[in-house]
Amino acid sequence: MMFTNDDLQQRWWNLEASLVDRFGKKPDMETILFLIGIQEFGDIKEKFTKEQKQDLMHIAICSLLSKSGYYELEKVDDDGWPHFKQLKAMPDMSAPEQENFLKDHVLLYFEEHGVG
């Protein structure tokens, strides 16, 4: 279910506020994706390499967009890393539309996980 941009922005601010309460600072989108990636990967390490951080953000995006049928989990490799298969192309969107599309999926994720 998509909401109006005003409602989306307000819900985003509410999520940011709850994350500030939890972590002590406002996370940017990359940080939020990184956190979701760690949650989905399920293995919290002290340090991740730069490549692993990028992989975790990719896991987050695939996990988020699987809710709308863009990706599905294909397999989990021997090291526990999930691999996704793209099911359909992303719609053509402007940068602000892409950001709002992603924000809407992030909000849904946090609502489903009882955060926000």
PDB file of N, CA and C in Angstrom:
ATOM      1  N   MET A   1       0.843  -1.183   0.000  1.00  0.00           N
ATOM      2  CA  MET A   1       0.000   0.000   0.000  1.00  0.00           C
ATOM      3  C   MET A   1       0.887   1.245   0.000  1.00  0.00           C
ATOM      4  N   MET A   2       0.716   2.083  -0.987  1.00  0.00           N
ATOM      5  CA  MET A   2       1.522   3.294  -1.081  1.00  0.00           C
ATOM      6  C   MET A   2       0.765   4.455  -0.436  1.00  0.00           C
ATOM      7  N   PHE A   3       1.501   5.340   0.175  1.00  0.00           N
ATOM      8  CA  PHE A   3       0.916   6.480   0.849  1.00  0.00           C
ATOM      9  C   PHE A   3       1.300   7.755   0.120  1.00  0.00           C
ATOM     10  N   THR A   4       0.642   8.836   0.479  1.00  0.00           N
ATOM     11  CA  THR A   4       1.011  10.110  -0.130  1.00  0.00           C
ATOM     12  C   THR A   4       2.400  10.503   0.332  1.00  0.00           C
ATOM     13  N   ASN A   5       3.058  11.361  -0.431  1.00  0.00           N
ATOM     14  CA  ASN A   5       4.422  11.769  -0.080  1.00  0.00           C
ATOM     15  C   ASN A   5       4.496  12.444   1.288  1.00  0.00           C
ATOM     16  N   ASP A   6       3.480  13.249   1.628  1.00  0.00           N
ATOM     17  CA  ASP A   6       3.492  13.926   2.931  1.00  0.00           C
ATOM     18  C   ASP A   6       3.479  12.900   4.051  1.00  0.00           C
ATOM     19  N   ASP A   7       2.617  11.905   3.920  1.00  0.00           N
ATOM     20  CA  ASP A   7       2.525  10.855   4.924  1.00  0.00           C
ATOM     21  C   ASP A   7       3.823  10.055   4.964  1.00  0.00           C
ATOM     22  N   LEU A   8       4.382   9.765   3.802  1.00  0.00           N
ATOM     23  CA  LEU A   8       5.645   9.041   3.722  1.00  0.00           C
ATOM     24  C   LEU A   8       6.730   9.808   4.465  1.00  0.00           C
ATOM     25  N   GLN A   9       6.816  11.111   4.205  1.00  0.00           N
ATOM     26  CA  GLN A   9       7.840  11.929   4.861  1.00  0.00           C
ATOM     27  C   GLN A   9       7.654  11.923   6.367  1.00  0.00           C
ATOM     28  N   GLN A  10       6.415  12.048   6.818  1.00  0.00           N
ATOM     29  CA  GLN A  10       6.158  12.061   8.266  1.00  0.00           C
ATOM     30  C   GLN A  10       6.523  10.712   8.887  1.00  0.00           C
ATOM     31  N   ARG A  11       6.144   9.636   8.225  1.00  0.00           N
ATOM     32  CA  ARG A  11       6.477   8.300   8.739  1.00  0.00           C
ATOM     33  C   ARG A  11       7.996   8.092   8.738  1.00  0.00           C
ATOM     34  N   TRP A  12       8.687   8.640   7.726  1.00  0.00           N
ATOM     35  CA  TRP A  12      10.151   8.538   7.666  1.00  0.00           C
ATOM     36  C   TRP A  12      10.788   9.283   8.841  1.00  0.00           C
ATOM     37  N   TRP A  13      10.291  10.503   9.118  1.00  0.00           N
ATOM     38  CA  TRP A  13      10.825  11.277  10.249  1.00  0.00           C
ATOM     39  C   TRP A  13      10.606  10.529  11.558  1.00  0.00           C
ATOM     40  N   ASN A  14       9.441   9.896  11.683  1.00  0.00           N
ATOM     41  CA  ASN A  14       9.151   9.122  12.896  1.00  0.00           C
ATOM     42  C   ASN A  14      10.132   7.957  13.045  1.00  0.00           C
ATOM     43  N   LEU A  15      10.428   7.278  11.943  1.00  0.00           N
ATOM     44  CA  LEU A  15      11.396   6.181  11.980  1.00  0.00           C
ATOM     45  C   LEU A  15      12.779   6.712  12.351  1.00  0.00           C
ATOM     46  N   GLU A  16      13.189   7.807  11.708  1.00  0.00           N
ATOM     47  CA  GLU A  16      14.498   8.393  12.025  1.00  0.00           C
ATOM     48  C   GLU A  16      14.584   8.743  13.515  1.00  0.00           C
ATOM     49  N   ALA A  17      13.509   9.294  14.055  1.00  0.00           N
ATOM     50  CA  ALA A  17      13.495   9.665  15.474  1.00  0.00           C
ATOM     51  C   ALA A  17      13.660   8.433  16.355  1.00  0.00           C
ATOM     52  N   SER A  18      12.992   7.345  16.010  1.00  0.00           N
ATOM     53  CA  SER A  18      13.121   6.139  16.835  1.00  0.00           C
ATOM     54  C   SER A  18      14.518   5.543  16.706  1.00  0.00           C
ATOM     55  N   LEU A  19      15.148   5.665  15.518  1.00  0.00           N
ATOM     56  CA  LEU A  19      16.520   5.175  15.347  1.00  0.00           C
ATOM     57  C   LEU A  19      17.520   6.056  16.089  1.00  0.00           C
ATOM     58  N   VAL A  20      17.253   7.368  16.138  1.00  0.00           N
ATOM     59  CA  VAL A  20      18.104   8.277  16.913  1.00  0.00           C
ATOM     60  C   VAL A  20      18.023   7.883  18.391  1.00  0.00           C
ATOM     61  N   ASP A  21      16.819   7.604  18.879  1.00  0.00           N
ATOM     62  CA  ASP A  21      16.646   7.181  20.278  1.00  0.00           C
ATOM     63  C   ASP A  21      17.446   5.909  20.552  1.00  0.00           C
ATOM     64  N   ARG A  22      17.453   5.020  19.590  1.00  0.00           N
ATOM     65  CA  ARG A  22      18.093   3.722  19.777  1.00  0.00           C
ATOM     66  C   ARG A  22      19.611   3.772  19.626  1.00  0.00           C
ATOM     67  N   PHE A  23      20.095   4.552  18.651  1.00  0.00           N
ATOM     68  CA  PHE A  23      21.530   4.535  18.329  1.00  0.00           C
ATOM     69  C   PHE A  23      22.270   5.823  18.687  1.00  0.00           C
ATOM     70  N   GLY A  24      21.519   6.868  19.061  1.00  0.00           N
ATOM     71  CA  GLY A  24      22.171   8.097  19.485  1.00  0.00           C
ATOM     72  C   GLY A  24      22.526   9.054  18.371  1.00  0.00           C
ATOM     73  N   LYS A  25      22.284   8.668  17.121  1.00  0.00           N
ATOM     74  CA  LYS A  25      22.504   9.598  16.005  1.00  0.00           C
ATOM     75  C   LYS A  25      21.592   9.203  14.845  1.00  0.00           C
ATOM     76  N   LYS A  26      21.379  10.177  13.952  1.00  0.00           N
ATOM     77  CA  LYS A  26      20.472   9.942  12.827  1.00  0.00           C
ATOM     78  C   LYS A  26      21.208   9.191  11.725  1.00  0.00           C
ATOM     79  N   PRO A  27      20.710   8.007  11.372  1.00  0.00           N
ATOM     80  CA  PRO A  27      21.368   7.241  10.307  1.00  0.00           C
ATOM     81  C   PRO A  27      20.923   7.710   8.927  1.00  0.00           C
ATOM     82  N   ASP A  28      21.848   7.643   7.961  1.00  0.00           N
ATOM     83  CA  ASP A  28      21.465   7.925   6.583  1.00  0.00           C
ATOM     84  C   ASP A  28      20.926   6.631   5.948  1.00  0.00           C
ATOM     85  N   MET A  29      20.485   6.734   4.706  1.00  0.00           N
ATOM     86  CA  MET A  29      19.884   5.578   4.036  1.00  0.00           C
ATOM     87  C   MET A  29      20.872   4.409   3.957  1.00  0.00           C
ATOM     88  N   GLU A  30      22.133   4.696   3.660  1.00  0.00           N
ATOM     89  CA  GLU A  30      23.128   3.620   3.577  1.00  0.00           C
ATOM     90  C   GLU A  30      23.263   2.887   4.901  1.00  0.00           C
ATOM     91  N   THR A  31      23.275   3.638   5.982  1.00  0.00           N
ATOM     92  CA  THR A  31      23.382   3.026   7.313  1.00  0.00           C
ATOM     93  C   THR A  31      22.161   2.169   7.616  1.00  0.00           C
ATOM     94  N   ILE A  32      20.985   2.681   7.261  1.00  0.00           N
ATOM     95  CA  ILE A  32      19.751   1.921   7.484  1.00  0.00           C
ATOM     96  C   ILE A  32      19.782   0.628   6.670  1.00  0.00           C
ATOM     97  N   LEU A  33      20.217   0.715   5.412  1.00  0.00           N
ATOM     98  CA  LEU A  33      20.310  -0.487   4.583  1.00  0.00           C
ATOM     99  C   LEU A  33      21.329  -1.469   5.166  1.00  0.00           C
ATOM    100  N   PHE A  34      22.433  -0.950   5.675  1.00  0.00           N
ATOM    101  CA  PHE A  34      23.454  -1.782   6.299  1.00  0.00           C
ATOM    102  C   PHE A  34      22.859  -2.526   7.503  1.00  0.00           C
ATOM    103  N   LEU A  35      22.094  -1.815   8.345  1.00  0.00           N
ATOM    104  CA  LEU A  35      21.460  -2.436   9.514  1.00  0.00           C
ATOM    105  C   LEU A  35      20.477  -3.530   9.102  1.00  0.00           C
ATOM    106  N   ILE A  36      19.681  -3.258   8.073  1.00  0.00           N
ATOM    107  CA  ILE A  36      18.731  -4.265   7.577  1.00  0.00           C
ATOM    108  C   ILE A  36      19.493  -5.461   7.023  1.00  0.00           C
ATOM    109  N   GLY A  37      20.586  -5.190   6.308  1.00  0.00           N
ATOM    110  CA  GLY A  37      21.402  -6.271   5.759  1.00  0.00           C
ATOM    111  C   GLY A  37      21.955  -7.180   6.841  1.00  0.00           C
ATOM    112  N   ILE A  38      22.446  -6.578   7.918  1.00  0.00           N
ATOM    113  CA  ILE A  38      22.949  -7.376   9.048  1.00  0.00           C
ATOM    114  C   ILE A  38      21.819  -8.209   9.643  1.00  0.00           C
ATOM    115  N   GLN A  39      20.660  -7.593   9.804  1.00  0.00           N
ATOM    116  CA  GLN A  39      19.493  -8.294  10.356  1.00  0.00           C
ATOM    117  C   GLN A  39      19.135  -9.497   9.480  1.00  0.00           C
ATOM    118  N   GLU A  40      19.112  -9.303   8.174  1.00  0.00           N
ATOM    119  CA  GLU A  40      18.747 -10.374   7.245  1.00  0.00           C
ATOM    120  C   GLU A  40      19.843 -11.439   7.150  1.00  0.00           C
ATOM    121  N   PHE A  41      21.102 -11.016   7.220  1.00  0.00           N
ATOM    122  CA  PHE A  41      22.230 -11.950   7.168  1.00  0.00           C
ATOM    123  C   PHE A  41      22.277 -12.772   8.449  1.00  0.00           C
ATOM    124  N   GLY A  42      21.977 -12.111   9.571  1.00  0.00           N
ATOM    125  CA  GLY A  42      21.865 -12.817  10.838  1.00  0.00           C
ATOM    126  C   GLY A  42      23.173 -13.084  11.555  1.00  0.00           C
ATOM    127  N   ASP A  43      24.265 -12.558  11.050  1.00  0.00           N
ATOM    128  CA  ASP A  43      25.568 -12.784  11.687  1.00  0.00           C
ATOM    129  C   ASP A  43      26.205 -11.435  11.974  1.00  0.00           C
ATOM    130  N   ILE A  44      26.193 -11.033  13.235  1.00  0.00           N
ATOM    131  CA  ILE A  44      26.751  -9.736  13.590  1.00  0.00           C
ATOM    132  C   ILE A  44      28.222  -9.932  13.925  1.00  0.00           C
ATOM    133  N   LYS A  45      29.056  -9.284  13.143  1.00  0.00           N
ATOM    134  CA  LYS A  45      30.502  -9.350  13.358  1.00  0.00           C
ATOM    135  C   LYS A  45      30.981  -8.014  13.890  1.00  0.00           C
ATOM    136  N   GLU A  46      32.155  -8.050  14.483  1.00  0.00           N
ATOM    137  CA  GLU A  46      32.765  -6.815  14.972  1.00  0.00           C
ATOM    138  C   GLU A  46      33.115  -5.904  13.801  1.00  0.00           C
ATOM    139  N   LYS A  47      33.661  -6.489  12.756  1.00  0.00           N
ATOM    140  CA  LYS A  47      34.097  -5.722  11.581  1.00  0.00           C
ATOM    141  C   LYS A  47      33.651  -6.425  10.304  1.00  0.00           C
ATOM    142  N   PHE A  48      33.196  -5.646   9.359  1.00  0.00           N
ATOM    143  CA  PHE A  48      32.906  -6.148   8.020  1.00  0.00           C
ATOM    144  C   PHE A  48      33.849  -5.441   7.056  1.00  0.00           C
ATOM    145  N   THR A  49      34.289  -6.137   6.016  1.00  0.00           N
ATOM    146  CA  THR A  49      35.099  -5.493   4.986  1.00  0.00           C
ATOM    147  C   THR A  49      34.208  -4.534   4.199  1.00  0.00           C
ATOM    148  N   LYS A  50      34.838  -3.659   3.430  1.00  0.00           N
ATOM    149  CA  LYS A  50      34.065  -2.735   2.588  1.00  0.00           C
ATOM    150  C   LYS A  50      33.175  -3.517   1.629  1.00  0.00           C
ATOM    151  N   GLU A  51      33.729  -4.591   1.053  1.00  0.00           N
ATOM    152  CA  GLU A  51      32.949  -5.421   0.126  1.00  0.00           C
ATOM    153  C   GLU A  51      31.768  -6.088   0.840  1.00  0.00           C
ATOM    154  N   GLN A  52      31.992  -6.570   2.051  1.00  0.00           N
ATOM    155  CA  GLN A  52      30.901  -7.190   2.816  1.00  0.00           C
ATOM    156  C   GLN A  52      29.825  -6.168   3.156  1.00  0.00           C
ATOM    157  N   LYS A  53      30.241  -4.931   3.465  1.00  0.00           N
ATOM    158  CA  LYS A  53      29.259  -3.885   3.746  1.00  0.00           C
ATOM    159  C   LYS A  53      28.391  -3.628   2.517  1.00  0.00           C
ATOM    160  N   GLN A  54      29.018  -3.594   1.343  1.00  0.00           N
ATOM    161  CA  GLN A  54      28.251  -3.414   0.101  1.00  0.00           C
ATOM    162  C   GLN A  54      27.317  -4.605  -0.118  1.00  0.00           C
ATOM    163  N   ASP A  55      27.821  -5.814   0.145  1.00  0.00           N
ATOM    164  CA  ASP A  55      26.989  -7.018   0.010  1.00  0.00           C
ATOM    165  C   ASP A  55      25.792  -6.960   0.961  1.00  0.00           C
ATOM    166  N   LEU A  56      26.028  -6.493   2.185  1.00  0.00           N
ATOM    167  CA  LEU A  56      24.939  -6.390   3.162  1.00  0.00           C
ATOM    168  C   LEU A  56      23.878  -5.392   2.714  1.00  0.00           C
ATOM    169  N   MET A  57      24.314  -4.279   2.118  1.00  0.00           N
ATOM    170  CA  MET A  57      23.341  -3.296   1.613  1.00  0.00           C
ATOM    171  C   MET A  57      22.563  -3.886   0.430  1.00  0.00           C
ATOM    172  N   HIS A  58      23.238  -4.685  -0.395  1.00  0.00           N
ATOM    173  CA  HIS A  58      22.565  -5.358  -1.507  1.00  0.00           C
ATOM    174  C   HIS A  58      21.534  -6.357  -0.972  1.00  0.00           C
ATOM    175  N   ILE A  59      21.901  -7.113   0.051  1.00  0.00           N
ATOM    176  CA  ILE A  59      20.969  -8.046   0.691  1.00  0.00           C
ATOM    177  C   ILE A  59      19.747  -7.286   1.189  1.00  0.00           C
ATOM    178  N   ALA A  60      19.982  -6.135   1.810  1.00  0.00           N
ATOM    179  CA  ALA A  60      18.879  -5.329   2.334  1.00  0.00           C
ATOM    180  C   ALA A  60      17.935  -4.912   1.215  1.00  0.00           C
ATOM    181  N   ILE A  61      18.491  -4.383   0.135  1.00  0.00           N
ATOM    182  CA  ILE A  61      17.657  -3.919  -0.978  1.00  0.00           C
ATOM    183  C   ILE A  61      16.868  -5.081  -1.569  1.00  0.00           C
ATOM    184  N   CYS A  62      17.519  -6.208  -1.795  1.00  0.00           N
ATOM    185  CA  CYS A  62      16.825  -7.375  -2.350  1.00  0.00           C
ATOM    186  C   CYS A  62      15.731  -7.860  -1.401  1.00  0.00           C
ATOM    187  N   SER A  63      16.040  -7.889  -0.104  1.00  0.00           N
ATOM    188  CA  SER A  63      15.042  -8.314   0.888  1.00  0.00           C
ATOM    189  C   SER A  63      13.851  -7.371   0.901  1.00  0.00           C
ATOM    190  N   LEU A  64      14.134  -6.071   0.894  1.00  0.00           N
ATOM    191  CA  LEU A  64      13.061  -5.080   0.912  1.00  0.00           C
ATOM    192  C   LEU A  64      12.172  -5.208  -0.323  1.00  0.00           C
ATOM    193  N   LEU A  65      12.813  -5.311  -1.494  1.00  0.00           N
ATOM    194  CA  LEU A  65      12.053  -5.304  -2.746  1.00  0.00           C
ATOM    195  C   LEU A  65      11.436  -6.664  -3.068  1.00  0.00           C
ATOM    196  N   SER A  66      11.827  -7.695  -2.324  1.00  0.00           N
ATOM    197  CA  SER A  66      11.180  -8.999  -2.521  1.00  0.00           C
ATOM    198  C   SER A  66       9.712  -8.927  -2.087  1.00  0.00           C
ATOM    199  N   LYS A  67       9.406  -8.007  -1.161  1.00  0.00           N
ATOM    200  CA  LYS A  67       8.015  -7.815  -0.717  1.00  0.00           C
ATOM    201  C   LYS A  67       7.109  -7.372  -1.855  1.00  0.00           C
ATOM    202  N   SER A  68       7.691  -6.680  -2.838  1.00  0.00           N
ATOM    203  CA  SER A  68       6.916  -6.201  -3.989  1.00  0.00           C
ATOM    204  C   SER A  68       7.132  -7.073  -5.221  1.00  0.00           C
ATOM    205  N   GLY A  69       7.769  -8.223  -5.041  1.00  0.00           N
ATOM    206  CA  GLY A  69       7.913  -9.168  -6.144  1.00  0.00           C
ATOM    207  C   GLY A  69       9.044  -8.883  -7.113  1.00  0.00           C
ATOM    208  N   TYR A  70      10.003  -8.024  -6.716  1.00  0.00           N
ATOM    209  CA  TYR A  70      11.120  -7.726  -7.617  1.00  0.00           C
ATOM    210  C   TYR A  70      12.245  -8.747  -7.492  1.00  0.00           C
ATOM    211  N   TYR A  71      12.393  -9.328  -6.312  1.00  0.00           N
ATOM    212  CA  TYR A  71      13.441 -10.319  -6.062  1.00  0.00           C
ATOM    213  C   TYR A  71      12.863 -11.476  -5.289  1.00  0.00           C
ATOM    214  N   GLU A  72      13.548 -12.619  -5.367  1.00  0.00           N
ATOM    215  CA  GLU A  72      13.235 -13.711  -4.460  1.00  0.00           C
ATOM    216  C   GLU A  72      14.539 -14.353  -4.026  1.00  0.00           C
ATOM    217  N   LEU A  73      14.518 -14.900  -2.821  1.00  0.00           N
ATOM    218  CA  LEU A  73      15.695 -15.581  -2.309  1.00  0.00           C
ATOM    219  C   LEU A  73      15.907 -16.845  -3.131  1.00  0.00           C
ATOM    220  N   GLU A  74      17.097 -16.975  -3.707  1.00  0.00           N
ATOM    221  CA  GLU A  74      17.409 -18.127  -4.549  1.00  0.00           C
ATOM    222  C   GLU A  74      18.081 -19.223  -3.741  1.00  0.00           C
ATOM    223  N   LYS A  75      19.076 -18.817  -2.947  1.00  0.00           N
ATOM    224  CA  LYS A  75      19.790 -19.797  -2.119  1.00  0.00           C
ATOM    225  C   LYS A  75      20.592 -19.063  -1.059  1.00  0.00           C
ATOM    226  N   VAL A  76      21.050 -19.825  -0.091  1.00  0.00           N
ATOM    227  CA  VAL A  76      22.002 -19.323   0.892  1.00  0.00           C
ATOM    228  C   VAL A  76      23.260 -20.153   0.708  1.00  0.00           C
ATOM    229  N   ASP A  77      24.395 -19.471   0.506  1.00  0.00           N
ATOM    230  CA  ASP A  77      25.630 -20.213   0.222  1.00  0.00           C
ATOM    231  C   ASP A  77      26.216 -20.842   1.495  1.00  0.00           C
ATOM    232  N   ASP A  78      27.313 -21.546   1.333  1.00  0.00           N
ATOM    233  CA  ASP A  78      27.922 -22.284   2.441  1.00  0.00           C
ATOM    234  C   ASP A  78      28.390 -21.375   3.577  1.00  0.00           C
ATOM    235  N   ASP A  79      28.640 -20.100   3.249  1.00  0.00           N
ATOM    236  CA  ASP A  79      29.068 -19.144   4.276  1.00  0.00           C
ATOM    237  C   ASP A  79      27.890 -18.412   4.912  1.00  0.00           C
ATOM    238  N   GLY A  80      26.679 -18.790   4.524  1.00  0.00           N
ATOM    239  CA  GLY A  80      25.485 -18.178   5.099  1.00  0.00           C
ATOM    240  C   GLY A  80      24.997 -16.926   4.400  1.00  0.00           C
ATOM    241  N   TRP A  81      25.608 -16.572   3.260  1.00  0.00           N
ATOM    242  CA  TRP A  81      25.190 -15.364   2.535  1.00  0.00           C
ATOM    243  C   TRP A  81      24.018 -15.685   1.624  1.00  0.00           C
ATOM    244  N   PRO A  82      22.930 -14.924   1.751  1.00  0.00           N
ATOM    245  CA  PRO A  82      21.788 -15.134   0.857  1.00  0.00           C
ATOM    246  C   PRO A  82      22.080 -14.601  -0.549  1.00  0.00           C
ATOM    247  N   HIS A  83      21.518 -15.290  -1.534  1.00  0.00           N
ATOM    248  CA  HIS A  83      21.627 -14.868  -2.934  1.00  0.00           C
ATOM    249  C   HIS A  83      20.214 -14.740  -3.491  1.00  0.00           C
ATOM    250  N   PHE A  84      19.982 -13.638  -4.188  1.00  0.00           N
ATOM    251  CA  PHE A  84      18.653 -13.332  -4.696  1.00  0.00           C
ATOM    252  C   PHE A  84      18.625 -13.390  -6.212  1.00  0.00           C
ATOM    253  N   LYS A  85      17.449 -13.665  -6.724  1.00  0.00           N
ATOM    254  CA  LYS A  85      17.215 -13.669  -8.164  1.00  0.00           C
ATOM    255  C   LYS A  85      16.235 -12.537  -8.455  1.00  0.00           C
ATOM    256  N   GLN A  86      16.563 -11.711  -9.460  1.00  0.00           N
ATOM    257  CA  GLN A  86      15.655 -10.635  -9.841  1.00  0.00           C
ATOM    258  C   GLN A  86      14.531 -11.221 -10.677  1.00  0.00           C
ATOM    259  N   LEU A  87      13.294 -10.912 -10.299  1.00  0.00           N
ATOM    260  CA  LEU A  87      12.122 -11.459 -10.972  1.00  0.00           C
ATOM    261  C   LEU A  87      11.548 -10.518 -12.023  1.00  0.00           C
ATOM    262  N   LYS A  88      11.682  -9.225 -11.774  1.00  0.00           N
ATOM    263  CA  LYS A  88      11.187  -8.247 -12.742  1.00  0.00           C
ATOM    264  C   LYS A  88      12.019  -6.983 -12.640  1.00  0.00           C
ATOM    265  N   ALA A  89      12.038  -6.235 -13.732  1.00  0.00           N
ATOM    266  CA  ALA A  89      12.827  -5.007 -13.786  1.00  0.00           C
ATOM    267  C   ALA A  89      12.203  -3.941 -12.902  1.00  0.00           C
ATOM    268  N   MET A  90      13.043  -3.092 -12.387  1.00  0.00           N
ATOM    269  CA  MET A  90      12.551  -1.961 -11.607  1.00  0.00           C
ATOM    270  C   MET A  90      11.889  -0.968 -12.560  1.00  0.00           C
ATOM    271  N   PRO A  91      10.819  -0.319 -12.106  1.00  0.00           N
ATOM    272  CA  PRO A  91      10.190   0.693 -12.966  1.00  0.00           C
ATOM    273  C   PRO A  91      11.117   1.890 -13.155  1.00  0.00           C
ATOM    274  N   ASP A  92      10.959   2.582 -14.274  1.00  0.00           N
ATOM    275  CA  ASP A  92      11.730   3.806 -14.494  1.00  0.00           C
ATOM    276  C   ASP A  92      11.234   4.871 -13.526  1.00  0.00           C
ATOM    277  N   MET A  93      12.150   5.399 -12.744  1.00  0.00           N
ATOM    278  CA  MET A  93      11.782   6.410 -11.760  1.00  0.00           C
ATOM    279  C   MET A  93      12.886   7.465 -11.695  1.00  0.00           C
ATOM    280  N   SER A  94      12.473   8.667 -11.338  1.00  0.00           N
ATOM    281  CA  SER A  94      13.459   9.712 -11.071  1.00  0.00           C
ATOM    282  C   SER A  94      14.160   9.390  -9.750  1.00  0.00           C
ATOM    283  N   ALA A  95      15.257  10.082  -9.483  1.00  0.00           N
ATOM    284  CA  ALA A  95      15.985   9.851  -8.229  1.00  0.00           C
ATOM    285  C   ALA A  95      15.102  10.069  -6.995  1.00  0.00           C
ATOM    286  N   PRO A  96      14.319  11.163  -6.936  1.00  0.00           N
ATOM    287  CA  PRO A  96      13.442  11.327  -5.755  1.00  0.00           C
ATOM    288  C   PRO A  96      12.382  10.227  -5.662  1.00  0.00           C
ATOM    289  N   GLU A  97      11.856   9.792  -6.798  1.00  0.00           N
ATOM    290  CA  GLU A  97      10.869   8.703  -6.787  1.00  0.00           C
ATOM    291  C   GLU A  97      11.508   7.403  -6.295  1.00  0.00           C
ATOM    292  N   GLN A  98      12.742   7.143  -6.743  1.00  0.00           N
ATOM    293  CA  GLN A  98      13.464   5.949  -6.283  1.00  0.00           C
ATOM    294  C   GLN A  98      13.664   5.994  -4.776  1.00  0.00           C
ATOM    295  N   GLU A  99      14.058   7.157  -4.282  1.00  0.00           N
ATOM    296  CA  GLU A  99      14.290   7.300  -2.845  1.00  0.00           C
ATOM    297  C   GLU A  99      13.002   7.050  -2.065  1.00  0.00           C
ATOM    298  N   ASN A 100      11.888   7.619  -2.519  1.00  0.00           N
ATOM    299  CA  ASN A 100      10.612   7.415  -1.839  1.00  0.00           C
ATOM    300  C   ASN A 100      10.149   5.962  -1.933  1.00  0.00           C
ATOM    301  N   PHE A 101      10.387   5.331  -3.070  1.00  0.00           N
ATOM    302  CA  PHE A 101      10.053   3.919  -3.266  1.00  0.00           C
ATOM    303  C   PHE A 101      10.805   3.079  -2.235  1.00  0.00           C
ATOM    304  N   LEU A 102      12.089   3.351  -2.087  1.00  0.00           N
ATOM    305  CA  LEU A 102      12.918   2.620  -1.132  1.00  0.00           C
ATOM    306  C   LEU A 102      12.494   2.939   0.308  1.00  0.00           C
ATOM    307  N   LYS A 103      12.231   4.216   0.589  1.00  0.00           N
ATOM    308  CA  LYS A 103      11.790   4.607   1.932  1.00  0.00           C
ATOM    309  C   LYS A 103      10.510   3.874   2.314  1.00  0.00           C
ATOM    310  N   ASP A 104       9.578   3.766   1.376  1.00  0.00           N
ATOM    311  CA  ASP A 104       8.319   3.088   1.655  1.00  0.00           C
ATOM    312  C   ASP A 104       8.574   1.628   2.031  1.00  0.00           C
ATOM    313  N   HIS A 105       9.500   0.977   1.328  1.00  0.00           N
ATOM    314  CA  HIS A 105       9.834  -0.419   1.629  1.00  0.00           C
ATOM    315  C   HIS A 105      10.566  -0.542   2.968  1.00  0.00           C
ATOM    316  N   VAL A 106      11.443   0.417   3.278  1.00  0.00           N
ATOM    317  CA  VAL A 106      12.137   0.415   4.570  1.00  0.00           C
ATOM    318  C   VAL A 106      11.122   0.564   5.704  1.00  0.00           C
ATOM    319  N   LEU A 107      10.181   1.485   5.540  1.00  0.00           N
ATOM    320  CA  LEU A 107       9.153   1.701   6.561  1.00  0.00           C
ATOM    321  C   LEU A 107       8.330   0.433   6.779  1.00  0.00           C
ATOM    322  N   LEU A 108       7.953  -0.223   5.702  1.00  0.00           N
ATOM    323  CA  LEU A 108       7.199  -1.473   5.797  1.00  0.00           C
ATOM    324  C   LEU A 108       8.012  -2.515   6.567  1.00  0.00           C
ATOM    325  N   TYR A 109       9.293  -2.602   6.252  1.00  0.00           N
ATOM    326  CA  TYR A 109      10.183  -3.559   6.916  1.00  0.00           C
ATOM    327  C   TYR A 109      10.198  -3.310   8.424  1.00  0.00           C
ATOM    328  N   PHE A 110      10.401  -2.059   8.815  1.00  0.00           N
ATOM    329  CA  PHE A 110      10.490  -1.746  10.239  1.00  0.00           C
ATOM    330  C   PHE A 110       9.136  -1.939  10.930  1.00  0.00           C
ATOM    331  N   GLU A 111       8.040  -1.640  10.236  1.00  0.00           N
ATOM    332  CA  GLU A 111       6.717  -1.882  10.814  1.00  0.00           C
ATOM    333  C   GLU A 111       6.519  -3.380  11.060  1.00  0.00           C
ATOM    334  N   GLU A 112       6.922  -4.195  10.085  1.00  0.00           N
ATOM    335  CA  GLU A 112       6.779  -5.645  10.229  1.00  0.00           C
ATOM    336  C   GLU A 112       7.660  -6.203  11.336  1.00  0.00           C
ATOM    337  N   HIS A 113       8.773  -5.521  11.621  1.00  0.00           N
ATOM    338  CA  HIS A 113       9.707  -5.975  12.649  1.00  0.00           C
ATOM    339  C   HIS A 113       9.536  -5.227  13.971  1.00  0.00           C
ATOM    340  N   GLY A 114       8.444  -4.481  14.069  1.00  0.00           N
ATOM    341  CA  GLY A 114       8.108  -3.834  15.331  1.00  0.00           C
ATOM    342  C   GLY A 114       9.019  -2.698  15.739  1.00  0.00           C
ATOM    343  N   VAL A 115       9.573  -1.984  14.761  1.00  0.00           N
ATOM    344  CA  VAL A 115      10.428  -0.834  15.043  1.00  0.00           C
ATOM    345  C   VAL A 115       9.804   0.386  14.382  1.00  0.00           C
ATOM    346  N   GLY A 116       9.854   1.522  15.043  1.00  0.00           N
ATOM    347  CA  GLY A 116       9.382   2.741  14.403  1.00  0.00           C
ATOM    348  C   GLY A 116       8.134   3.279  15.004  1.00  0.00           C
TER     349      GLY A 116
END
